[in-house]
Amino acid sequence: MKNIKTIIFDLGAVLLNINYQLTLIEFAKLGVKNADSFYSKKVQPNLFNEIETGKISVDSFLKLLQKETENASINEVRNAWNSMLLDLPKERIEFLKKLKQDFPIYLLSNTNSIHISEFRKKLGETKYQEFYNLFDKVYYSHEIGFRKPNKDAFQLILDENNIKANEVLFIDDSPQHIRGANKLGIQTHHLSGTEEVATLFPDIIR
């Protein structure tokens, strides 16, 4: 990596631990047919794209998802959807605190208000605000109206903050998002399932 002046992080599976399989298991328990193909990290029906770009309300999303189940309650559907969310390790928060002393850092996440609400609840409001405020700015897809790998999601950060693409390092666990960033000339690192984001530094930016 050369001439890195800004770092953009993904949230899920980079900073926040998640397990998509847990949601698939819970969907299957609720009677969702072919749950593993209905929703996955790589393939998502338009319903999930709409909730992650703010084009559909929470109530509408949950009711449509409920129709895929065998008489599950809305609360059961919500809990199944949230079951993929795990923990935010303290060492990653400490890592971000150190990193922000030398770099502007941003968060760009494909997410939705249901997951963010649960994330806040899991952390507690004080710790959530501490995490949120570590970043120069947070970009949640359901708030900005764009999802990765859509180039507009990346371009928004570049334009709003007067950042040059070739001076940015973007870290994400999804190859399609990495490719989207690369198309704009952003430097990237695809975080594998065996890597810990905090141990990438400082070597990755030397």
C-alpha atoms as a PDB file:
ATOM      1  CA  MET A   1       0.000   0.000   0.000  1.00  0.00           C
ATOM      2  CA  LYS A   2       1.357   3.409  -0.942  1.00  0.00           C
ATOM      3  CA  ASN A   3       0.483   6.954   0.086  1.00  0.00           C
ATOM      4  CA  ILE A   4      -2.446   5.955   2.321  1.00  0.00           C
ATOM      5  CA  LYS A   5      -4.012   9.006   3.959  1.00  0.00           C
ATOM      6  CA  THR A   6      -7.539   7.754   4.762  1.00  0.00           C
ATOM      7  CA  ILE A   7      -8.986   4.399   5.814  1.00  0.00           C
ATOM      8  CA  ILE A   8     -12.531   3.149   5.259  1.00  0.00           C
ATOM      9  CA  PHE A   9     -13.749   0.126   7.197  1.00  0.00           C
ATOM     10  CA  ASP A  10     -16.606  -2.259   6.650  1.00  0.00           C
ATOM     11  CA  LEU A  11     -18.539  -3.134   9.822  1.00  0.00           C
ATOM     12  CA  GLY A  12     -19.812  -6.724   9.720  1.00  0.00           C
ATOM     13  CA  ALA A  13     -17.132  -9.452   9.803  1.00  0.00           C
ATOM     14  CA  VAL A  14     -14.402  -6.782   9.879  1.00  0.00           C
ATOM     15  CA  LEU A  15     -15.069  -4.923  13.124  1.00  0.00           C
ATOM     16  CA  LEU A  16     -18.282  -6.532  14.377  1.00  0.00           C
ATOM     17  CA  ASN A  17     -18.293 -10.320  14.534  1.00  0.00           C
ATOM     18  CA  ILE A  18     -21.190 -11.835  12.596  1.00  0.00           C
ATOM     19  CA  ASN A  19     -22.309 -15.282  11.545  1.00  0.00           C
ATOM     20  CA  TYR A  20     -24.716 -15.411   8.598  1.00  0.00           C
ATOM     21  CA  GLN A  21     -25.268 -19.113   9.208  1.00  0.00           C
ATOM     22  CA  LEU A  22     -27.048 -18.403  12.492  1.00  0.00           C
ATOM     23  CA  THR A  23     -29.732 -16.420  10.668  1.00  0.00           C
ATOM     24  CA  LEU A  24     -30.088 -19.158   8.062  1.00  0.00           C
ATOM     25  CA  ILE A  25     -30.562 -21.723  10.827  1.00  0.00           C
ATOM     26  CA  GLU A  26     -33.205 -19.570  12.493  1.00  0.00           C
ATOM     27  CA  PHE A  27     -34.961 -18.922   9.168  1.00  0.00           C
ATOM     28  CA  ALA A  28     -35.108 -22.672   8.567  1.00  0.00           C
ATOM     29  CA  LYS A  29     -36.577 -23.224  12.042  1.00  0.00           C
ATOM     30  CA  LEU A  30     -39.324 -20.755  11.167  1.00  0.00           C
ATOM     31  CA  GLY A  31     -40.143 -22.683   8.010  1.00  0.00           C
ATOM     32  CA  VAL A  32     -38.401 -20.566   5.379  1.00  0.00           C
ATOM     33  CA  LYS A  33     -37.866 -22.870   2.414  1.00  0.00           C
ATOM     34  CA  ASN A  34     -34.320 -23.184   1.045  1.00  0.00           C
ATOM     35  CA  ALA A  35     -33.097 -20.718   3.648  1.00  0.00           C
ATOM     36  CA  ASP A  36     -29.485 -21.091   2.528  1.00  0.00           C
ATOM     37  CA  SER A  37     -30.303 -19.798  -0.941  1.00  0.00           C
ATOM     38  CA  PHE A  38     -32.990 -17.361   0.229  1.00  0.00           C
ATOM     39  CA  TYR A  39     -30.390 -15.209   1.983  1.00  0.00           C
ATOM     40  CA  SER A  40     -26.611 -15.357   1.996  1.00  0.00           C
ATOM     41  CA  LYS A  41     -23.535 -13.173   2.129  1.00  0.00           C
ATOM     42  CA  LYS A  42     -23.149 -13.295  -1.653  1.00  0.00           C
ATOM     43  CA  VAL A  43     -26.745 -13.498  -2.868  1.00  0.00           C
ATOM     44  CA  GLN A  44     -29.661 -11.472  -1.550  1.00  0.00           C
ATOM     45  CA  PRO A  45     -33.195 -11.175  -2.934  1.00  0.00           C
ATOM     46  CA  ASN A  46     -34.416  -7.673  -3.694  1.00  0.00           C
ATOM     47  CA  LEU A  47     -36.262  -7.577  -0.357  1.00  0.00           C
ATOM     48  CA  PHE A  48     -32.949  -7.384   1.500  1.00  0.00           C
ATOM     49  CA  ASN A  49     -31.551  -4.814  -0.905  1.00  0.00           C
ATOM     50  CA  GLU A  50     -34.589  -2.615  -0.257  1.00  0.00           C
ATOM     51  CA  ILE A  51     -34.279  -2.697   3.529  1.00  0.00           C
ATOM     52  CA  GLU A  52     -30.553  -1.973   3.246  1.00  0.00           C
ATOM     53  CA  THR A  53     -31.107   1.084   1.050  1.00  0.00           C
ATOM     54  CA  GLY A  54     -34.016   2.444   3.059  1.00  0.00           C
ATOM     55  CA  LYS A  55     -36.534   1.861   0.262  1.00  0.00           C
ATOM     56  CA  ILE A  56     -38.863  -0.191   2.435  1.00  0.00           C
ATOM     57  CA  SER A  57     -40.045   0.323   6.004  1.00  0.00           C
ATOM     58  CA  VAL A  58     -39.104  -1.981   8.865  1.00  0.00           C
ATOM     59  CA  ASP A  59     -42.728  -3.049   9.296  1.00  0.00           C
ATOM     60  CA  SER A  60     -43.120  -3.860   5.599  1.00  0.00           C
ATOM     61  CA  PHE A  61     -39.841  -5.773   5.541  1.00  0.00           C
ATOM     62  CA  LEU A  62     -40.719  -7.893   8.561  1.00  0.00           C
ATOM     63  CA  LYS A  63     -44.227  -8.614   7.256  1.00  0.00           C
ATOM     64  CA  LEU A  64     -42.899  -9.687   3.860  1.00  0.00           C
ATOM     65  CA  LEU A  65     -40.280 -11.841   5.533  1.00  0.00           C
ATOM     66  CA  GLN A  66     -42.977 -13.293   7.781  1.00  0.00           C
ATOM     67  CA  LYS A  67     -44.835 -14.526   4.684  1.00  0.00           C
ATOM     68  CA  GLU A  68     -41.857 -16.786   3.913  1.00  0.00           C
ATOM     69  CA  THR A  69     -42.275 -18.543   7.275  1.00  0.00           C
ATOM     70  CA  GLU A  70     -44.812 -20.984   8.663  1.00  0.00           C
ATOM     71  CA  ASN A  71     -46.874 -18.687  10.890  1.00  0.00           C
ATOM     72  CA  ALA A  72     -43.933 -17.169  12.752  1.00  0.00           C
ATOM     73  CA  SER A  73     -44.609 -14.043  14.770  1.00  0.00           C
ATOM     74  CA  ILE A  74     -43.090 -10.695  13.814  1.00  0.00           C
ATOM     75  CA  ASN A  75     -40.932 -10.857  16.919  1.00  0.00           C
ATOM     76  CA  GLU A  76     -39.651 -14.308  15.942  1.00  0.00           C
ATOM     77  CA  VAL A  77     -38.814 -13.022  12.470  1.00  0.00           C
ATOM     78  CA  ARG A  78     -36.981 -10.025  13.921  1.00  0.00           C
ATOM     79  CA  ASN A  79     -34.995 -12.235  16.314  1.00  0.00           C
ATOM     80  CA  ALA A  80     -34.044 -14.605  13.491  1.00  0.00           C
ATOM     81  CA  TRP A  81     -32.878 -11.685  11.347  1.00  0.00           C
ATOM     82  CA  ASN A  82     -30.796 -10.328  14.232  1.00  0.00           C
ATOM     83  CA  SER A  83     -29.276 -13.658  15.237  1.00  0.00           C
ATOM     84  CA  MET A  84     -26.282 -13.178  12.919  1.00  0.00           C
ATOM     85  CA  LEU A  85     -25.032 -10.258  15.042  1.00  0.00           C
ATOM     86  CA  LEU A  86     -22.406 -11.258  17.574  1.00  0.00           C
ATOM     87  CA  ASP A  87     -19.870  -9.193  19.531  1.00  0.00           C
ATOM     88  CA  LEU A  88     -17.586  -6.209  18.996  1.00  0.00           C
ATOM     89  CA  PRO A  89     -14.213  -7.162  20.526  1.00  0.00           C
ATOM     90  CA  LYS A  90     -12.707  -4.558  22.851  1.00  0.00           C
ATOM     91  CA  GLU A  91      -9.309  -4.906  21.189  1.00  0.00           C
ATOM     92  CA  ARG A  92     -10.772  -3.622  17.903  1.00  0.00           C
ATOM     93  CA  ILE A  93     -12.117  -0.530  19.621  1.00  0.00           C
ATOM     94  CA  GLU A  94      -8.692   0.096  21.158  1.00  0.00           C
ATOM     95  CA  PHE A  95      -7.122  -0.454  17.745  1.00  0.00           C
ATOM     96  CA  LEU A  96      -9.405   2.159  16.165  1.00  0.00           C
ATOM     97  CA  LYS A  97      -8.599   4.636  18.938  1.00  0.00           C
ATOM     98  CA  LYS A  98      -4.902   4.342  18.140  1.00  0.00           C
ATOM     99  CA  LEU A  99      -5.371   4.406  14.387  1.00  0.00           C
ATOM    100  CA  LYS A 100      -7.477   7.571  14.397  1.00  0.00           C
ATOM    101  CA  GLN A 101      -4.581   9.460  15.946  1.00  0.00           C
ATOM    102  CA  ASP A 102      -2.813   9.203  12.589  1.00  0.00           C
ATOM    103  CA  PHE A 103      -5.569   8.759  10.000  1.00  0.00           C
ATOM    104  CA  PRO A 104      -9.083   9.958   9.245  1.00  0.00           C
ATOM    105  CA  ILE A 105     -11.227   6.819   9.485  1.00  0.00           C
ATOM    106  CA  TYR A 106     -14.688   6.173   8.043  1.00  0.00           C
ATOM    107  CA  LEU A 107     -17.236   3.390   8.334  1.00  0.00           C
ATOM    108  CA  LEU A 108     -19.151   2.157   5.276  1.00  0.00           C
ATOM    109  CA  SER A 109     -21.624  -0.630   5.968  1.00  0.00           C
ATOM    110  CA  ASN A 110     -24.384  -2.385   4.059  1.00  0.00           C
ATOM    111  CA  THR A 111     -26.861  -2.567   6.902  1.00  0.00           C
ATOM    112  CA  ASN A 112     -30.388  -1.738   8.007  1.00  0.00           C
ATOM    113  CA  SER A 113     -32.130  -0.008  10.870  1.00  0.00           C
ATOM    114  CA  ILE A 114     -33.164  -3.321  12.474  1.00  0.00           C
ATOM    115  CA  HIS A 115     -29.576  -4.488  12.756  1.00  0.00           C
ATOM    116  CA  ILE A 116     -28.291  -1.111  13.904  1.00  0.00           C
ATOM    117  CA  SER A 117     -30.973  -0.975  16.584  1.00  0.00           C
ATOM    118  CA  GLU A 118     -29.932  -4.436  17.805  1.00  0.00           C
ATOM    119  CA  PHE A 119     -26.243  -3.500  17.598  1.00  0.00           C
ATOM    120  CA  ARG A 120     -26.889  -0.461  19.807  1.00  0.00           C
ATOM    121  CA  LYS A 121     -28.849  -2.597  22.237  1.00  0.00           C
ATOM    122  CA  LYS A 122     -26.091  -5.210  22.462  1.00  0.00           C
ATOM    123  CA  LEU A 123     -23.390  -2.621  23.087  1.00  0.00           C
ATOM    124  CA  GLY A 124     -25.438  -0.315  25.257  1.00  0.00           C
ATOM    125  CA  GLU A 125     -25.961   3.305  24.240  1.00  0.00           C
ATOM    126  CA  THR A 126     -22.808   4.659  25.902  1.00  0.00           C
ATOM    127  CA  LYS A 127     -20.486   2.128  24.249  1.00  0.00           C
ATOM    128  CA  TYR A 128     -22.295   2.461  20.938  1.00  0.00           C
ATOM    129  CA  GLN A 129     -21.801   6.224  20.926  1.00  0.00           C
ATOM    130  CA  GLU A 130     -18.148   5.737  21.866  1.00  0.00           C
ATOM    131  CA  PHE A 131     -17.749   3.402  18.888  1.00  0.00           C
ATOM    132  CA  TYR A 132     -19.712   5.648  16.513  1.00  0.00           C
ATOM    133  CA  ASN A 133     -17.701   8.720  17.454  1.00  0.00           C
ATOM    134  CA  LEU A 134     -14.402   6.993  16.700  1.00  0.00           C
ATOM    135  CA  PHE A 135     -15.083   7.607  13.017  1.00  0.00           C
ATOM    136  CA  ASP A 136     -14.821  10.908  11.206  1.00  0.00           C
ATOM    137  CA  LYS A 137     -18.158   9.907   9.705  1.00  0.00           C
ATOM    138  CA  VAL A 138     -20.331   6.803   9.552  1.00  0.00           C
ATOM    139  CA  TYR A 139     -22.069   5.788   6.331  1.00  0.00           C
ATOM    140  CA  TYR A 140     -24.860   3.228   6.747  1.00  0.00           C
ATOM    141  CA  SER A 141     -26.400   2.069   3.478  1.00  0.00           C
ATOM    142  CA  HIS A 142     -29.995   2.460   4.692  1.00  0.00           C
ATOM    143  CA  GLU A 143     -29.270   6.102   5.508  1.00  0.00           C
ATOM    144  CA  ILE A 144     -27.350   7.068   2.363  1.00  0.00           C
ATOM    145  CA  GLY A 145     -29.520   5.057  -0.069  1.00  0.00           C
ATOM    146  CA  PHE A 146     -26.629   3.158  -1.675  1.00  0.00           C
ATOM    147  CA  ARG A 147     -25.156  -0.288  -1.040  1.00  0.00           C
ATOM    148  CA  LYS A 148     -21.705  -1.558  -1.819  1.00  0.00           C
ATOM    149  CA  PRO A 149     -20.520  -2.446  -4.432  1.00  0.00           C
ATOM    150  CA  ASN A 150     -22.447   0.453  -6.022  1.00  0.00           C
ATOM    151  CA  LYS A 151     -19.806   3.034  -6.888  1.00  0.00           C
ATOM    152  CA  ASP A 152     -22.065   5.804  -5.549  1.00  0.00           C
ATOM    153  CA  ALA A 153     -21.565   4.508  -1.997  1.00  0.00           C
ATOM    154  CA  PHE A 154     -17.810   5.019  -2.278  1.00  0.00           C
ATOM    155  CA  GLN A 155     -18.024   8.210  -4.325  1.00  0.00           C
ATOM    156  CA  LEU A 156     -20.190   9.842  -1.680  1.00  0.00           C
ATOM    157  CA  ILE A 157     -17.430   9.471   0.910  1.00  0.00           C
ATOM    158  CA  LEU A 158     -14.778  10.733  -1.491  1.00  0.00           C
ATOM    159  CA  ASP A 159     -16.816  13.764  -2.537  1.00  0.00           C
ATOM    160  CA  GLU A 160     -18.140  14.776   0.886  1.00  0.00           C
ATOM    161  CA  ASN A 161     -14.723  14.646   2.477  1.00  0.00           C
ATOM    162  CA  ASN A 162     -12.565  15.831  -0.434  1.00  0.00           C
ATOM    163  CA  ILE A 163     -10.608  12.580  -0.523  1.00  0.00           C
ATOM    164  CA  LYS A 164      -8.565  11.246  -3.435  1.00  0.00           C
ATOM    165  CA  ALA A 165      -9.422   7.634  -4.285  1.00  0.00           C
ATOM    166  CA  ASN A 166      -5.799   6.547  -4.689  1.00  0.00           C
ATOM    167  CA  GLU A 167      -5.014   7.765  -1.170  1.00  0.00           C
ATOM    168  CA  VAL A 168      -7.697   5.583   0.438  1.00  0.00           C
ATOM    169  CA  LEU A 169      -7.422   2.101   1.918  1.00  0.00           C
ATOM    170  CA  PHE A 170     -10.741   0.227   2.040  1.00  0.00           C
ATOM    171  CA  ILE A 171     -11.021  -2.963   4.119  1.00  0.00           C
ATOM    172  CA  ASP A 172     -13.930  -5.349   3.561  1.00  0.00           C
ATOM    173  CA  ASP A 173     -14.633  -9.081   3.775  1.00  0.00           C
ATOM    174  CA  SER A 174     -16.712  -9.328   0.574  1.00  0.00           C
ATOM    175  CA  PRO A 175     -14.871  -9.687  -2.744  1.00  0.00           C
ATOM    176  CA  GLN A 176     -17.632  -7.984  -4.727  1.00  0.00           C
ATOM    177  CA  HIS A 177     -17.280  -4.884  -2.549  1.00  0.00           C
ATOM    178  CA  ILE A 178     -13.525  -4.907  -3.017  1.00  0.00           C
ATOM    179  CA  ARG A 179     -13.995  -5.012  -6.787  1.00  0.00           C
ATOM    180  CA  GLY A 180     -16.420  -2.099  -6.607  1.00  0.00           C
ATOM    181  CA  ALA A 181     -13.892   0.034  -4.739  1.00  0.00           C
ATOM    182  CA  ASN A 182     -11.078  -0.973  -7.100  1.00  0.00           C
ATOM    183  CA  LYS A 183     -13.047   0.357 -10.062  1.00  0.00           C
ATOM    184  CA  LEU A 184     -12.753   3.847  -8.551  1.00  0.00           C
ATOM    185  CA  GLY A 185      -9.024   3.481  -7.973  1.00  0.00           C
ATOM    186  CA  ILE A 186      -9.330   2.913  -4.229  1.00  0.00           C
ATOM    187  CA  GLN A 187      -6.636   0.739  -2.656  1.00  0.00           C
ATOM    188  CA  THR A 188      -8.138  -2.271  -0.906  1.00  0.00           C
ATOM    189  CA  HIS A 189      -7.570  -5.235   1.347  1.00  0.00           C
ATOM    190  CA  HIS A 190      -9.900  -8.221   1.234  1.00  0.00           C
ATOM    191  CA  LEU A 191     -10.039  -9.456   4.828  1.00  0.00           C
ATOM    192  CA  SER A 192     -10.105 -13.253   4.886  1.00  0.00           C
ATOM    193  CA  GLY A 193     -11.939 -15.285   7.477  1.00  0.00           C
ATOM    194  CA  THR A 194      -8.663 -16.160   9.180  1.00  0.00           C
ATOM    195  CA  GLU A 195      -7.356 -12.576   9.465  1.00  0.00           C
ATOM    196  CA  GLU A 196      -7.755 -10.177  12.371  1.00  0.00           C
ATOM    197  CA  VAL A 197      -8.123  -6.592  11.186  1.00  0.00           C
ATOM    198  CA  ALA A 198      -6.151  -5.123  14.088  1.00  0.00           C
ATOM    199  CA  THR A 199      -3.058  -7.191  13.261  1.00  0.00           C
ATOM    200  CA  LEU A 200      -2.889  -5.873   9.692  1.00  0.00           C
ATOM    201  CA  PHE A 201      -1.446  -2.619  10.953  1.00  0.00           C
ATOM    202  CA  PRO A 202       1.031  -1.022  10.701  1.00  0.00           C
ATOM    203  CA  ASP A 203       2.536  -3.350   8.054  1.00  0.00           C
ATOM    204  CA  ILE A 204      -0.292  -2.910   5.551  1.00  0.00           C
ATOM    205  CA  ILE A 205       0.295   0.845   5.196  1.00  0.00           C
ATOM    206  CA  ARG A 206       4.080   0.790   5.033  1.00  0.00           C
END
